[in-house]
Amino acid sequence: MSRANGVLRVVLTGKWFDMIESGEKLEEYRGSHWADKLLDGLAPGHHPNATFRPYHTLVASRGYTFRTLTRKIKRIRWGRPRPEWSGDTVTGECFIIELEAQE
């Protein structure tokens, strides 16, 4: 993952990558262990005034391949994931990376 130039890099499984690529999925979810990468300060559950780092672009790879996609980030927040976009991979509250629809 890189913080350079506001670019957030993530690796996705094929299912979630394909759903984002098709425009069906507009959020990506990350667990609380991502706090040090996404926040300036403590995890949201521990400190309500924590601020998110200024990421503006998500670059995702399909597994550990060279296939990537790029989406603009609307915002990052803390909350509950949509079950149809998280399956059983994320339970409880998490970081939600809201993506803009592909033009």
Protein backbone atom coordinates (compact mmCIF):
# COMPACT_ATOMS: atom_id res chain seq x y z
CA MET A 1 0.00 0.00 0.00
CA SER A 2 1.26 3.44 -0.85
CA ARG A 3 0.43 6.82 0.63
CA ALA A 4 2.30 8.60 -2.12
CA ASN A 5 0.25 11.21 -3.93
CA GLY A 6 -3.02 10.19 -2.23
CA VAL A 7 -3.13 6.76 -3.87
CA LEU A 8 -4.40 3.81 -1.82
CA ARG A 9 -3.29 0.43 -3.18
CA VAL A 10 -5.14 -2.75 -2.24
CA VAL A 11 -5.25 -6.38 -3.33
CA LEU A 12 -8.72 -7.86 -3.94
CA THR A 13 -9.98 -11.36 -4.52
CA GLY A 14 -11.40 -12.02 -7.97
CA LYS A 15 -15.05 -11.78 -6.89
CA TRP A 16 -14.79 -8.31 -5.31
CA PHE A 17 -12.46 -7.01 -8.03
CA ASP A 18 -14.90 -8.10 -10.75
CA MET A 19 -17.85 -6.49 -8.94
CA ILE A 20 -16.01 -3.16 -8.61
CA GLU A 21 -14.78 -3.36 -12.20
CA SER A 22 -18.34 -3.90 -13.48
CA GLY A 23 -19.69 -1.02 -11.38
CA GLU A 24 -21.88 -3.31 -9.28
CA LYS A 25 -19.91 -2.71 -6.05
CA LEU A 26 -19.15 0.88 -4.97
CA GLU A 27 -17.54 0.26 -1.59
CA GLU A 28 -14.47 -1.62 -0.42
CA TYR A 29 -14.14 -2.77 3.19
CA ARG A 30 -11.10 -3.04 5.42
CA GLY A 31 -10.81 -4.23 9.02
CA SER A 32 -9.65 -2.23 12.02
CA HIS A 33 -6.06 -3.42 11.49
CA TRP A 34 -5.93 -0.91 8.62
CA ALA A 35 -6.18 2.01 11.08
CA ASP A 36 -2.48 2.85 10.88
CA LYS A 37 -2.74 3.09 7.07
CA LEU A 38 -6.03 4.98 6.85
CA LEU A 39 -6.02 7.26 9.90
CA ASP A 40 -3.96 10.04 11.35
CA GLY A 41 -4.50 9.08 14.97
CA LEU A 42 -6.31 6.28 16.77
CA ALA A 43 -8.94 3.87 15.47
CA PRO A 44 -12.46 5.37 15.27
CA GLY A 45 -13.81 3.22 18.09
CA HIS A 46 -11.10 4.55 20.37
CA HIS A 47 -11.07 8.21 19.40
CA PRO A 48 -14.00 9.98 17.75
CA ASN A 49 -11.81 12.84 16.51
CA ALA A 50 -9.46 10.68 14.45
CA THR A 51 -9.02 12.02 10.92
CA PHE A 52 -8.65 10.03 7.73
CA ARG A 53 -5.59 10.39 5.55
CA PRO A 54 -6.28 12.27 2.30
CA TYR A 55 -6.57 9.44 -0.20
CA HIS A 56 -8.32 10.35 -3.46
CA THR A 57 -7.64 7.31 -5.68
CA LEU A 58 -7.93 3.57 -5.16
CA VAL A 59 -5.74 1.28 -7.25
CA ALA A 60 -6.77 -2.33 -6.82
CA SER A 61 -5.11 -5.43 -8.20
CA ARG A 62 -6.93 -8.68 -8.92
CA GLY A 63 -5.09 -10.95 -6.54
CA TYR A 64 -1.35 -10.82 -6.99
CA THR A 65 -1.52 -10.29 -10.75
CA PHE A 66 -0.75 -7.37 -13.03
CA ARG A 67 -4.47 -6.75 -13.65
CA THR A 68 -5.53 -3.51 -11.95
CA LEU A 69 -8.35 -0.99 -11.84
CA THR A 70 -8.43 2.61 -10.70
CA ARG A 71 -11.36 4.38 -9.06
CA LYS A 72 -11.75 7.77 -7.43
CA ILE A 73 -12.48 7.68 -3.70
CA LYS A 74 -15.50 9.70 -2.54
CA ARG A 75 -14.65 9.31 1.13
CA ILE A 76 -13.49 6.88 3.78
CA ARG A 77 -15.59 6.33 6.89
CA TRP A 78 -16.17 3.88 9.74
CA GLY A 79 -19.39 1.84 9.74
CA ARG A 80 -21.17 -1.40 8.91
CA PRO A 81 -20.67 -3.04 5.50
CA ARG A 82 -23.46 -3.94 3.11
CA PRO A 83 -23.85 -7.74 3.28
CA GLU A 84 -24.15 -8.10 -0.50
CA TRP A 85 -20.78 -6.38 -0.89
CA SER A 86 -18.92 -8.04 1.97
CA GLY A 87 -20.18 -11.62 2.22
CA ASP A 88 -18.76 -13.24 5.31
CA THR A 89 -15.32 -11.70 4.83
CA VAL A 90 -16.07 -8.62 6.97
CA THR A 91 -18.22 -8.74 10.07
CA GLY A 92 -19.04 -5.89 12.40
CA GLU A 93 -17.85 -2.35 11.89
CA CYS A 94 -15.02 -1.63 9.51
CA PHE A 95 -13.46 1.02 7.31
CA ILE A 96 -15.66 1.75 4.31
CA ILE A 97 -13.94 3.14 1.23
CA GLU A 98 -16.69 4.70 -0.86
CA LEU A 99 -15.90 4.75 -4.58
CA GLU A 100 -17.23 6.94 -7.36
CA ALA A 101 -19.00 5.15 -10.19
CA GLN A 102 -16.94 4.61 -13.33
CA GLU A 103 -17.76 7.15 -16.02
